């Protein structure tokens, strides 16, 4: 059975929208695209390389899929790790409207999300990776289908844009498994989904 692993870039206030460029995602009037670019450094590049060494398949939301499909098929250098993986491995895109994807090895998942993702995990070995696709990640966390989250938090507050865990998210506990901070201050932390939150109190007991 495969492990479902997500990598998401967020600002300090939890925004994941448009990290890679000004025109990447302007939905809702978002005008701050490209906010991760000034923090790129060799440390972050090393992390990305490590991530892309791991997948056997990709699972993407429709918007992220469209962004990737417009760019990566045109990167044909066989030594480019990210392009080689994205272009060569199976890709599954969650969409109710995509009919005839042109990107090689793409399968559309248009039915019951929980049922189809469970079947995908059961029929695949190794890692199925999700990149971006914040709404899909949130849905999979809510369904307890995501296994691991790489959360890269960038030292910037945007004040607007779509947030990864907005009000209404299912309460969820995570277990920290690894972490590092890049030279530009990006905090990269890895968490496994660990079920429901646990609660307690710091109030003094009556016996104290």
N, C-alpha and C. Protein backbone atom coordinates (compact mmCIF):
# COMPACT_ATOMS: atom_id res chain seq x y z
N UNK A 1 0.84 -1.21 0.00
CA UNK A 1 0.00 0.00 0.00
C UNK A 1 0.87 1.25 0.00
N UNK A 2 0.46 2.24 -0.76
CA UNK A 2 1.23 3.47 -0.87
C UNK A 2 1.03 4.38 0.33
N UNK A 3 2.02 5.25 0.52
CA UNK A 3 1.92 6.33 1.50
C UNK A 3 1.61 7.62 0.75
N UNK A 4 0.61 8.35 1.24
CA UNK A 4 0.20 9.61 0.60
C UNK A 4 0.90 10.76 1.30
N UNK A 5 1.79 11.45 0.56
CA UNK A 5 2.68 12.47 1.13
C UNK A 5 2.43 13.80 0.44
N UNK A 6 2.19 14.83 1.23
CA UNK A 6 1.90 16.17 0.68
C UNK A 6 3.01 17.14 1.01
N UNK A 7 3.34 18.01 0.06
CA UNK A 7 4.27 19.11 0.29
C UNK A 7 3.54 20.41 -0.02
N UNK A 8 3.44 21.29 0.98
CA UNK A 8 2.71 22.54 0.82
C UNK A 8 3.57 23.69 1.32
N UNK A 9 3.57 24.79 0.56
CA UNK A 9 4.24 26.02 0.97
C UNK A 9 3.18 26.96 1.55
N UNK A 10 3.44 27.51 2.74
CA UNK A 10 2.50 28.45 3.35
C UNK A 10 3.25 29.66 3.90
N UNK A 11 2.54 30.78 3.99
CA UNK A 11 3.06 31.97 4.67
C UNK A 11 2.84 31.81 6.17
N UNK A 12 3.34 32.76 6.95
CA UNK A 12 3.13 32.69 8.39
C UNK A 12 1.66 32.76 8.76
N UNK A 13 0.84 33.40 7.93
CA UNK A 13 -0.59 33.43 8.21
C UNK A 13 -1.36 32.36 7.43
N UNK A 14 -0.65 31.32 6.98
CA UNK A 14 -1.31 30.14 6.47
C UNK A 14 -1.74 30.16 5.02
N UNK A 15 -1.34 31.17 4.25
CA UNK A 15 -1.75 31.29 2.85
C UNK A 15 -0.89 30.38 1.98
N UNK A 16 -1.55 29.62 1.09
CA UNK A 16 -0.81 28.75 0.17
C UNK A 16 -0.98 29.18 -1.28
N UNK A 17 -1.74 30.20 -1.54
CA UNK A 17 -2.09 30.59 -2.91
C UNK A 17 -0.92 31.25 -3.65
N UNK A 18 -0.72 30.89 -4.89
CA UNK A 18 0.23 31.56 -5.77
C UNK A 18 1.65 31.66 -5.28
N UNK A 19 2.26 30.57 -4.79
CA UNK A 19 3.62 30.73 -4.26
C UNK A 19 4.70 30.94 -5.30
N UNK A 20 4.47 30.49 -6.55
CA UNK A 20 5.56 30.42 -7.50
C UNK A 20 5.69 31.54 -8.52
N UNK A 21 4.70 32.43 -8.62
CA UNK A 21 4.81 33.48 -9.62
C UNK A 21 3.59 34.39 -9.63
N UNK A 22 3.71 35.61 -10.16
CA UNK A 22 2.63 36.59 -10.12
C UNK A 22 1.35 36.15 -10.81
N UNK A 23 1.46 35.35 -11.87
CA UNK A 23 0.29 34.94 -12.63
C UNK A 23 -0.14 33.51 -12.34
N UNK A 24 0.49 32.88 -11.37
CA UNK A 24 0.21 31.48 -11.10
C UNK A 24 -1.22 31.25 -10.64
N UNK A 25 -1.71 32.07 -9.75
CA UNK A 25 -3.08 31.92 -9.22
C UNK A 25 -3.56 33.27 -8.72
N UNK A 26 -4.34 33.95 -9.55
CA UNK A 26 -4.85 35.28 -9.19
C UNK A 26 -6.31 35.22 -8.76
N UNK A 27 -6.81 34.05 -8.47
CA UNK A 27 -8.20 33.89 -8.06
C UNK A 27 -8.55 34.75 -6.87
N UNK A 28 -9.76 35.32 -6.91
CA UNK A 28 -10.20 36.18 -5.81
C UNK A 28 -9.47 37.51 -5.75
N UNK A 29 -8.78 37.87 -6.85
CA UNK A 29 -8.04 39.12 -6.87
C UNK A 29 -6.70 39.06 -6.18
N UNK A 30 -6.18 37.85 -5.94
CA UNK A 30 -4.89 37.72 -5.26
C UNK A 30 -3.78 38.31 -6.12
N UNK A 31 -3.04 39.26 -5.56
CA UNK A 31 -2.04 40.01 -6.34
C UNK A 31 -0.63 39.89 -5.77
N UNK A 32 -0.37 38.85 -4.94
CA UNK A 32 0.94 38.71 -4.31
C UNK A 32 1.64 37.42 -4.72
N UNK A 33 1.31 36.92 -5.89
CA UNK A 33 1.92 35.69 -6.35
C UNK A 33 3.43 35.78 -6.46
N UNK A 34 4.10 34.67 -6.18
CA UNK A 34 5.56 34.63 -6.23
C UNK A 34 6.23 34.93 -4.91
N UNK A 35 5.49 34.85 -3.82
CA UNK A 35 6.01 35.25 -2.52
C UNK A 35 7.07 34.30 -1.96
N UNK A 36 7.21 33.10 -2.52
CA UNK A 36 8.27 32.21 -2.04
C UNK A 36 9.62 32.47 -2.69
N UNK A 37 9.61 33.12 -3.86
CA UNK A 37 10.82 33.22 -4.69
C UNK A 37 11.99 33.88 -3.97
N UNK A 38 11.80 34.98 -3.23
CA UNK A 38 12.96 35.61 -2.57
C UNK A 38 13.64 34.75 -1.51
N UNK A 39 12.99 33.66 -1.11
CA UNK A 39 13.55 32.82 -0.05
C UNK A 39 14.24 31.57 -0.60
N UNK A 40 14.34 31.47 -1.92
CA UNK A 40 15.00 30.32 -2.52
C UNK A 40 16.50 30.34 -2.21
N UNK A 41 17.03 29.20 -1.83
CA UNK A 41 18.45 29.09 -1.53
C UNK A 41 18.87 27.63 -1.68
N UNK A 42 20.16 27.31 -1.58
CA UNK A 42 20.59 25.91 -1.75
C UNK A 42 19.95 24.96 -0.74
N UNK A 43 19.69 25.43 0.48
CA UNK A 43 19.05 24.57 1.47
C UNK A 43 17.66 24.13 1.00
N UNK A 44 16.91 25.09 0.47
CA UNK A 44 15.57 24.76 0.00
C UNK A 44 15.64 23.87 -1.24
N UNK A 45 16.60 24.14 -2.11
CA UNK A 45 16.78 23.30 -3.28
C UNK A 45 17.11 21.86 -2.90
N UNK A 46 17.90 21.69 -1.86
CA UNK A 46 18.24 20.35 -1.38
C UNK A 46 17.00 19.61 -0.89
N UNK A 47 16.14 20.33 -0.18
CA UNK A 47 14.90 19.73 0.30
C UNK A 47 14.02 19.28 -0.87
N UNK A 48 13.85 20.14 -1.86
CA UNK A 48 13.02 19.80 -3.02
C UNK A 48 13.58 18.59 -3.75
N UNK A 49 14.90 18.53 -3.91
CA UNK A 49 15.52 17.38 -4.55
C UNK A 49 15.21 16.10 -3.78
N UNK A 50 15.33 16.16 -2.46
CA UNK A 50 15.03 14.98 -1.63
C UNK A 50 13.59 14.54 -1.82
N UNK A 51 12.67 15.50 -1.86
CA UNK A 51 11.26 15.16 -2.03
C UNK A 51 11.03 14.45 -3.35
N UNK A 52 11.55 15.00 -4.43
CA UNK A 52 11.28 14.45 -5.76
C UNK A 52 12.06 13.18 -6.07
N UNK A 53 12.94 12.78 -5.19
CA UNK A 53 13.58 11.48 -5.35
C UNK A 53 12.67 10.34 -4.91
N UNK A 54 11.54 10.69 -4.22
CA UNK A 54 10.74 9.66 -3.57
C UNK A 54 9.50 9.13 -4.25
N UNK A 55 8.85 9.85 -5.18
CA UNK A 55 7.51 9.43 -5.61
C UNK A 55 7.50 8.26 -6.60
N UNK A 56 6.37 7.55 -6.56
CA UNK A 56 6.04 6.56 -7.59
C UNK A 56 4.85 7.03 -8.41
N UNK A 57 4.13 8.05 -7.91
CA UNK A 57 2.97 8.60 -8.62
C UNK A 57 2.65 9.94 -7.98
N UNK A 58 1.79 10.72 -8.66
CA UNK A 58 1.37 12.03 -8.15
C UNK A 58 -0.16 12.10 -8.13
N UNK A 59 -0.67 12.77 -7.11
CA UNK A 59 -2.10 13.07 -6.99
C UNK A 59 -2.23 14.57 -6.87
N UNK A 60 -3.01 15.20 -7.76
CA UNK A 60 -3.07 16.65 -7.82
C UNK A 60 -4.51 17.14 -7.89
N UNK A 61 -4.73 18.33 -7.32
CA UNK A 61 -5.98 19.03 -7.54
C UNK A 61 -5.99 19.62 -8.94
N UNK A 62 -7.19 19.97 -9.42
CA UNK A 62 -7.31 20.42 -10.81
C UNK A 62 -6.49 21.69 -11.08
N UNK A 63 -6.52 22.66 -10.16
CA UNK A 63 -5.82 23.91 -10.44
C UNK A 63 -4.32 23.70 -10.51
N UNK A 64 -3.77 22.97 -9.56
CA UNK A 64 -2.33 22.69 -9.58
C UNK A 64 -1.97 21.87 -10.81
N UNK A 65 -2.81 20.91 -11.15
CA UNK A 65 -2.57 20.11 -12.35
C UNK A 65 -2.47 20.99 -13.59
N UNK A 66 -3.39 21.94 -13.74
CA UNK A 66 -3.37 22.82 -14.91
C UNK A 66 -2.08 23.65 -14.96
N UNK A 67 -1.64 24.14 -13.79
CA UNK A 67 -0.39 24.92 -13.75
C UNK A 67 0.79 24.04 -14.16
N UNK A 68 0.87 22.85 -13.60
CA UNK A 68 1.98 21.94 -13.92
C UNK A 68 1.94 21.51 -15.39
N UNK A 69 0.74 21.19 -15.88
CA UNK A 69 0.61 20.67 -17.25
C UNK A 69 0.95 21.72 -18.30
N UNK A 70 0.83 22.99 -17.93
CA UNK A 70 1.18 24.06 -18.88
C UNK A 70 2.69 24.31 -18.93
N UNK A 71 3.43 23.77 -17.98
CA UNK A 71 4.86 24.08 -17.90
C UNK A 71 5.76 22.85 -18.07
N UNK A 72 5.54 21.83 -17.23
CA UNK A 72 6.52 20.76 -17.13
C UNK A 72 6.67 19.89 -18.38
N UNK A 73 5.63 19.66 -19.18
CA UNK A 73 5.86 18.88 -20.41
C UNK A 73 6.85 19.53 -21.37
N UNK A 74 7.08 20.83 -21.22
CA UNK A 74 8.01 21.53 -22.11
C UNK A 74 9.45 21.48 -21.60
N UNK A 75 9.65 20.94 -20.40
CA UNK A 75 11.00 20.77 -19.86
C UNK A 75 11.44 19.35 -20.20
N UNK A 76 12.29 19.21 -21.20
CA UNK A 76 12.62 17.90 -21.74
C UNK A 76 14.02 17.40 -21.40
N UNK A 77 14.75 18.14 -20.59
CA UNK A 77 16.09 17.72 -20.17
C UNK A 77 15.96 16.44 -19.33
N UNK A 78 16.51 15.32 -19.78
CA UNK A 78 16.37 14.07 -19.02
C UNK A 78 17.07 14.09 -17.67
N UNK A 79 17.98 15.05 -17.49
CA UNK A 79 18.70 15.14 -16.22
C UNK A 79 17.99 16.07 -15.22
N UNK A 80 16.88 16.67 -15.63
CA UNK A 80 16.12 17.53 -14.73
C UNK A 80 15.21 16.64 -13.89
N UNK A 81 15.55 16.48 -12.62
CA UNK A 81 14.87 15.50 -11.77
C UNK A 81 13.36 15.74 -11.70
N UNK A 82 12.95 16.99 -11.42
CA UNK A 82 11.53 17.27 -11.24
C UNK A 82 10.76 17.00 -12.53
N UNK A 83 11.29 17.48 -13.65
CA UNK A 83 10.61 17.26 -14.93
C UNK A 83 10.53 15.77 -15.26
N UNK A 84 11.62 15.06 -15.04
CA UNK A 84 11.63 13.63 -15.35
C UNK A 84 10.58 12.88 -14.54
N UNK A 85 10.46 13.22 -13.28
CA UNK A 85 9.48 12.55 -12.43
C UNK A 85 8.05 12.92 -12.82
N UNK A 86 7.79 14.21 -12.97
CA UNK A 86 6.43 14.65 -13.28
C UNK A 86 5.98 14.18 -14.67
N UNK A 87 6.88 14.20 -15.61
CA UNK A 87 6.51 13.80 -16.96
C UNK A 87 6.43 12.29 -17.13
N UNK A 88 7.23 11.56 -16.36
CA UNK A 88 7.32 10.12 -16.58
C UNK A 88 6.42 9.26 -15.72
N UNK A 89 6.08 9.73 -14.52
CA UNK A 89 5.31 8.90 -13.59
C UNK A 89 3.81 9.09 -13.77
N UNK A 90 3.00 8.16 -13.29
CA UNK A 90 1.54 8.31 -13.35
C UNK A 90 1.08 9.52 -12.55
N UNK A 91 0.10 10.21 -13.12
CA UNK A 91 -0.49 11.39 -12.47
C UNK A 91 -1.99 11.18 -12.36
N UNK A 92 -2.53 11.47 -11.19
CA UNK A 92 -3.96 11.36 -10.95
C UNK A 92 -4.47 12.74 -10.57
N UNK A 93 -5.48 13.21 -11.27
CA UNK A 93 -6.01 14.54 -11.02
C UNK A 93 -7.47 14.43 -10.61
N UNK A 94 -7.82 15.11 -9.52
CA UNK A 94 -9.19 15.09 -9.02
C UNK A 94 -9.97 16.21 -9.71
N UNK A 95 -10.95 15.83 -10.52
CA UNK A 95 -11.71 16.82 -11.27
C UNK A 95 -13.03 16.23 -11.74
N UNK A 96 -14.07 17.05 -11.65
CA UNK A 96 -15.38 16.63 -12.16
C UNK A 96 -15.60 17.11 -13.58
N UNK A 97 -14.66 17.91 -14.11
CA UNK A 97 -14.88 18.52 -15.43
C UNK A 97 -13.82 18.18 -16.46
N UNK A 98 -12.63 17.78 -16.05
CA UNK A 98 -11.56 17.47 -17.00
C UNK A 98 -11.93 16.19 -17.76
N UNK A 99 -11.97 16.28 -19.09
CA UNK A 99 -12.43 15.17 -19.90
C UNK A 99 -11.31 14.43 -20.62
N UNK A 100 -10.38 15.13 -21.23
CA UNK A 100 -9.39 14.50 -22.08
C UNK A 100 -8.01 15.10 -21.84
N UNK A 101 -7.38 14.76 -20.74
CA UNK A 101 -6.08 15.36 -20.42
C UNK A 101 -5.02 14.96 -21.42
N UNK A 102 -4.22 15.93 -21.84
CA UNK A 102 -3.19 15.66 -22.84
C UNK A 102 -1.84 15.31 -22.22
N UNK A 103 -1.66 15.59 -20.94
CA UNK A 103 -0.38 15.29 -20.30
C UNK A 103 -0.23 13.78 -20.15
N UNK A 104 0.88 13.27 -20.60
CA UNK A 104 1.17 11.84 -20.61
C UNK A 104 0.95 11.21 -19.24
N UNK A 105 0.31 10.04 -19.22
CA UNK A 105 0.08 9.22 -18.04
C UNK A 105 -0.79 9.92 -16.99
N UNK A 106 -1.81 10.60 -17.46
CA UNK A 106 -2.76 11.25 -16.56
C UNK A 106 -4.05 10.45 -16.49
N UNK A 107 -4.54 10.23 -15.27
CA UNK A 107 -5.84 9.60 -15.03
C UNK A 107 -6.70 10.56 -14.22
N UNK A 108 -7.93 10.76 -14.64
CA UNK A 108 -8.85 11.65 -13.94
C UNK A 108 -9.65 10.86 -12.91
N UNK A 109 -9.69 11.38 -11.68
CA UNK A 109 -10.53 10.82 -10.62
C UNK A 109 -11.74 11.75 -10.47
N UNK A 110 -12.91 11.27 -10.84
CA UNK A 110 -14.09 12.14 -10.86
C UNK A 110 -15.22 11.62 -9.99
N UNK A 111 -15.00 10.51 -9.30
CA UNK A 111 -16.05 9.92 -8.49
C UNK A 111 -15.92 10.28 -7.02
N UNK A 112 -16.29 9.35 -6.16
CA UNK A 112 -16.21 9.54 -4.72
C UNK A 112 -14.75 9.65 -4.29
N UNK A 113 -14.35 10.79 -3.72
CA UNK A 113 -12.95 11.05 -3.42
C UNK A 113 -12.38 10.01 -2.47
N UNK A 114 -13.08 9.74 -1.38
CA UNK A 114 -12.56 8.80 -0.39
C UNK A 114 -12.37 7.41 -1.00
N UNK A 115 -13.36 6.94 -1.74
CA UNK A 115 -13.30 5.61 -2.33
C UNK A 115 -12.17 5.51 -3.35
N UNK A 116 -12.05 6.53 -4.21
CA UNK A 116 -11.04 6.46 -5.27
C UNK A 116 -9.63 6.59 -4.72
N UNK A 117 -9.43 7.44 -3.72
CA UNK A 117 -8.09 7.59 -3.16
C UNK A 117 -7.69 6.35 -2.37
N UNK A 118 -8.62 5.76 -1.65
CA UNK A 118 -8.31 4.51 -0.95
C UNK A 118 -7.89 3.43 -1.95
N UNK A 119 -8.63 3.32 -3.04
CA UNK A 119 -8.30 2.32 -4.06
C UNK A 119 -6.93 2.60 -4.68
N UNK A 120 -6.62 3.89 -4.91
CA UNK A 120 -5.33 4.26 -5.46
C UNK A 120 -4.20 3.88 -4.53
N UNK A 121 -4.37 4.15 -3.24
CA UNK A 121 -3.34 3.81 -2.27
C UNK A 121 -3.14 2.29 -2.21
N UNK A 122 -4.23 1.55 -2.28
CA UNK A 122 -4.14 0.10 -2.18
C UNK A 122 -3.48 -0.53 -3.41
N UNK A 123 -3.58 0.12 -4.56
CA UNK A 123 -3.06 -0.45 -5.80
C UNK A 123 -1.66 0.06 -6.16
N UNK A 124 -1.08 0.90 -5.31
CA UNK A 124 0.21 1.53 -5.59
C UNK A 124 1.18 1.24 -4.46
N UNK A 125 2.45 1.10 -4.79
CA UNK A 125 3.50 0.94 -3.78
C UNK A 125 4.32 2.22 -3.70
N UNK A 126 5.00 2.42 -2.57
CA UNK A 126 5.85 3.58 -2.40
C UNK A 126 5.06 4.83 -2.07
N UNK A 127 5.55 5.98 -2.54
CA UNK A 127 4.94 7.27 -2.25
C UNK A 127 4.06 7.76 -3.39
N UNK A 128 2.86 8.20 -3.05
CA UNK A 128 2.06 9.03 -3.94
C UNK A 128 2.18 10.44 -3.40
N UNK A 129 2.69 11.36 -4.20
CA UNK A 129 2.95 12.72 -3.72
C UNK A 129 1.89 13.70 -4.20
N UNK A 130 1.53 14.61 -3.31
CA UNK A 130 0.68 15.74 -3.64
C UNK A 130 1.54 17.00 -3.52
N UNK A 131 1.47 17.87 -4.51
CA UNK A 131 2.17 19.15 -4.45
C UNK A 131 1.14 20.26 -4.60
N UNK A 132 1.28 21.30 -3.74
CA UNK A 132 0.26 22.35 -3.76
C UNK A 132 -1.09 21.76 -3.43
N UNK A 133 -2.10 22.09 -4.28
CA UNK A 133 -3.42 21.44 -4.17
C UNK A 133 -3.99 21.56 -2.76
N UNK A 134 -3.98 22.78 -2.22
CA UNK A 134 -4.35 22.97 -0.82
C UNK A 134 -5.73 22.46 -0.47
N UNK A 135 -6.73 22.71 -1.31
CA UNK A 135 -8.09 22.26 -1.02
C UNK A 135 -8.15 20.74 -0.98
N UNK A 136 -7.43 20.08 -1.88
CA UNK A 136 -7.39 18.62 -1.89
C UNK A 136 -6.69 18.10 -0.64
N UNK A 137 -5.59 18.71 -0.26
CA UNK A 137 -4.88 18.30 0.95
C UNK A 137 -5.80 18.40 2.16
N UNK A 138 -6.49 19.51 2.27
CA UNK A 138 -7.39 19.70 3.40
C UNK A 138 -8.48 18.62 3.42
N UNK A 139 -9.04 18.32 2.25
CA UNK A 139 -10.07 17.29 2.17
C UNK A 139 -9.53 15.93 2.58
N UNK A 140 -8.30 15.60 2.18
CA UNK A 140 -7.72 14.31 2.50
C UNK A 140 -7.35 14.21 3.98
N UNK A 141 -6.93 15.33 4.57
CA UNK A 141 -6.72 15.34 6.02
C UNK A 141 -8.04 15.09 6.74
N UNK A 142 -9.09 15.78 6.30
CA UNK A 142 -10.41 15.61 6.92
C UNK A 142 -10.88 14.16 6.83
N UNK A 143 -10.54 13.49 5.72
CA UNK A 143 -10.95 12.10 5.51
C UNK A 143 -9.98 11.11 6.16
N UNK A 144 -8.90 11.60 6.76
CA UNK A 144 -7.87 10.77 7.37
C UNK A 144 -7.21 9.86 6.35
N UNK A 145 -7.01 10.38 5.13
CA UNK A 145 -6.36 9.62 4.08
C UNK A 145 -4.93 10.08 3.83
N UNK A 146 -4.60 11.30 4.25
CA UNK A 146 -3.21 11.77 4.11
C UNK A 146 -2.37 11.13 5.20
N UNK A 147 -1.17 10.70 4.82
CA UNK A 147 -0.27 10.09 5.80
C UNK A 147 0.75 11.07 6.34
N UNK A 148 1.37 11.84 5.44
CA UNK A 148 2.49 12.71 5.83
C UNK A 148 2.35 14.07 5.18
N UNK A 149 2.67 15.11 5.94
CA UNK A 149 2.64 16.49 5.45
C UNK A 149 4.00 17.13 5.63
N UNK A 150 4.63 17.54 4.53
CA UNK A 150 5.80 18.42 4.58
C UNK A 150 5.27 19.85 4.49
N UNK A 151 5.40 20.60 5.55
CA UNK A 151 4.89 21.96 5.59
C UNK A 151 6.06 22.94 5.62
N UNK A 152 6.23 23.68 4.52
CA UNK A 152 7.30 24.68 4.43
C UNK A 152 6.69 26.04 4.71
N UNK A 153 7.04 26.63 5.85
CA UNK A 153 6.48 27.91 6.28
C UNK A 153 7.49 29.02 6.02
N UNK A 154 7.09 29.98 5.19
CA UNK A 154 7.96 31.06 4.77
C UNK A 154 7.76 32.29 5.67
N UNK A 155 8.83 33.00 6.00
CA UNK A 155 8.75 34.11 6.95
C UNK A 155 8.17 35.37 6.31
N UNK A 156 6.89 35.31 5.96
CA UNK A 156 6.20 36.46 5.37
C UNK A 156 4.72 36.34 5.71
N UNK A 157 4.10 37.47 6.01
CA UNK A 157 2.65 37.54 6.23
C UNK A 157 2.03 38.22 5.01
N UNK A 158 1.03 37.59 4.42
CA UNK A 158 0.42 38.10 3.20
C UNK A 158 -0.90 38.83 3.46
N UNK A 159 -1.64 38.42 4.46
CA UNK A 159 -2.86 39.13 4.82
C UNK A 159 -4.05 38.86 3.93
N UNK A 160 -3.86 38.09 2.86
CA UNK A 160 -4.94 37.77 1.94
C UNK A 160 -4.57 36.50 1.20
N UNK A 161 -5.58 35.82 0.65
CA UNK A 161 -5.33 34.60 -0.11
C UNK A 161 -5.93 33.39 0.57
N UNK A 162 -5.96 32.28 -0.15
CA UNK A 162 -6.54 31.05 0.38
C UNK A 162 -5.62 30.42 1.42
N UNK A 163 -6.22 30.04 2.53
CA UNK A 163 -5.46 29.47 3.63
C UNK A 163 -5.61 27.95 3.68
N UNK A 164 -4.54 27.28 4.08
CA UNK A 164 -4.54 25.83 4.06
C UNK A 164 -5.57 25.26 5.03
N UNK A 165 -5.55 25.70 6.25
CA UNK A 165 -6.49 25.20 7.24
C UNK A 165 -7.35 26.36 7.73
N UNK A 166 -8.44 26.58 7.05
CA UNK A 166 -9.35 27.67 7.40
C UNK A 166 -10.37 27.17 8.41
N UNK A 167 -11.20 28.08 8.90
CA UNK A 167 -12.27 27.70 9.82
C UNK A 167 -13.15 26.64 9.18
N UNK A 168 -13.47 25.63 9.96
CA UNK A 168 -14.28 24.53 9.45
C UNK A 168 -13.49 23.27 9.17
N UNK A 169 -12.16 23.34 9.23
CA UNK A 169 -11.34 22.14 9.05
C UNK A 169 -11.63 21.16 10.18
N UNK A 170 -11.54 19.88 9.88
CA UNK A 170 -11.77 18.85 10.89
C UNK A 170 -10.61 18.87 11.89
N UNK A 171 -10.87 18.97 13.19
CA UNK A 171 -9.78 18.96 14.17
C UNK A 171 -8.91 17.72 14.01
N UNK A 172 -7.62 17.94 13.93
CA UNK A 172 -6.69 16.85 13.60
C UNK A 172 -5.39 17.04 14.37
N UNK A 173 -4.85 15.96 14.86
CA UNK A 173 -3.56 15.97 15.56
C UNK A 173 -2.48 15.45 14.60
N UNK A 174 -1.30 16.06 14.67
CA UNK A 174 -0.17 15.65 13.86
C UNK A 174 1.00 15.27 14.78
N UNK A 175 1.82 14.36 14.30
CA UNK A 175 3.03 13.97 15.04
C UNK A 175 4.25 14.44 14.26
N UNK A 176 5.11 15.22 14.90
CA UNK A 176 6.30 15.77 14.25
C UNK A 176 7.34 14.68 14.07
N UNK A 177 7.89 14.55 12.85
CA UNK A 177 8.87 13.50 12.58
C UNK A 177 10.21 14.01 12.10
N UNK A 178 10.27 15.25 11.59
CA UNK A 178 11.54 15.79 11.11
C UNK A 178 11.39 17.29 10.91
N UNK A 179 12.54 17.98 10.85
CA UNK A 179 12.46 19.42 10.63
C UNK A 179 13.83 20.03 10.37
N UNK A 180 13.79 21.18 9.70
CA UNK A 180 15.01 21.94 9.43
C UNK A 180 14.60 23.38 9.14
N UNK A 181 15.56 24.29 9.19
CA UNK A 181 15.32 25.68 8.82
C UNK A 181 16.39 26.08 7.82
N UNK A 182 15.98 26.68 6.71
CA UNK A 182 16.93 27.07 5.67
C UNK A 182 17.66 28.35 6.06
N UNK A 183 18.65 28.71 5.27
CA UNK A 183 19.44 29.91 5.57
C UNK A 183 18.62 31.19 5.43
N UNK A 184 17.51 31.13 4.68
CA UNK A 184 16.65 32.31 4.52
C UNK A 184 15.48 32.30 5.49
N UNK A 185 15.45 31.32 6.40
CA UNK A 185 14.43 31.31 7.44
C UNK A 185 13.17 30.53 7.13
N UNK A 186 13.18 29.72 6.08
CA UNK A 186 12.03 28.86 5.78
C UNK A 186 12.06 27.66 6.72
N UNK A 187 10.98 27.48 7.46
CA UNK A 187 10.87 26.36 8.39
C UNK A 187 10.20 25.19 7.68
N UNK A 188 10.95 24.11 7.50
CA UNK A 188 10.43 22.92 6.81
C UNK A 188 10.22 21.84 7.85
N UNK A 189 8.97 21.51 8.11
CA UNK A 189 8.64 20.54 9.15
C UNK A 189 7.81 19.42 8.55
N UNK A 190 8.08 18.22 9.01
CA UNK A 190 7.38 17.04 8.52
C UNK A 190 6.52 16.46 9.63
N UNK A 191 5.27 16.18 9.30
CA UNK A 191 4.31 15.67 10.27
C UNK A 191 3.58 14.46 9.69
N UNK A 192 3.30 13.49 10.54
CA UNK A 192 2.39 12.41 10.20
C UNK A 192 1.03 12.71 10.81
N UNK A 193 -0.03 12.43 10.06
CA UNK A 193 -1.38 12.60 10.60
C UNK A 193 -1.58 11.55 11.70
N UNK A 194 -2.03 12.00 12.86
CA UNK A 194 -2.07 11.13 14.05
C UNK A 194 -3.45 11.03 14.67
N UNK A 195 -4.50 11.36 13.93
CA UNK A 195 -5.85 11.16 14.44
C UNK A 195 -6.45 12.41 15.06
N UNK A 196 -7.32 12.21 16.02
CA UNK A 196 -8.02 13.32 16.64
C UNK A 196 -7.14 14.02 17.68
N UNK A 197 -7.38 15.31 17.92
CA UNK A 197 -6.61 16.01 18.95
C UNK A 197 -6.85 15.42 20.34
N UNK A 198 -5.88 15.62 21.20
CA UNK A 198 -6.04 15.29 22.62
C UNK A 198 -6.10 16.59 23.40
N UNK A 199 -6.83 16.59 24.49
CA UNK A 199 -7.04 17.82 25.25
C UNK A 199 -6.70 17.62 26.72
N UNK A 200 -6.37 18.71 27.38
CA UNK A 200 -6.04 18.66 28.79
C UNK A 200 -6.25 20.02 29.42
N UNK A 201 -5.67 20.22 30.56
CA UNK A 201 -5.80 21.49 31.27
C UNK A 201 -4.54 21.76 32.06
N UNK A 202 -4.12 23.04 32.10
CA UNK A 202 -2.99 23.44 32.92
C UNK A 202 -3.45 23.96 34.28
N UNK A 203 -4.73 23.86 34.55
CA UNK A 203 -5.23 24.32 35.85
C UNK A 203 -4.69 23.41 36.93
N UNK A 204 -4.43 24.03 38.11
CA UNK A 204 -3.96 23.24 39.26
C UNK A 204 -5.07 22.33 39.76
N UNK A 205 -4.70 21.13 40.12
CA UNK A 205 -5.70 20.20 40.67
C UNK A 205 -6.08 20.65 42.08
N UNK A 206 -7.18 20.11 42.57
CA UNK A 206 -7.66 20.46 43.92
C UNK A 206 -6.69 19.98 44.98
N UNK A 207 -5.86 19.00 44.64
CA UNK A 207 -4.92 18.44 45.63
C UNK A 207 -3.64 19.23 45.72
N UNK A 208 -3.43 20.16 44.78
CA UNK A 208 -2.17 20.91 44.76
C UNK A 208 -2.09 21.90 45.92
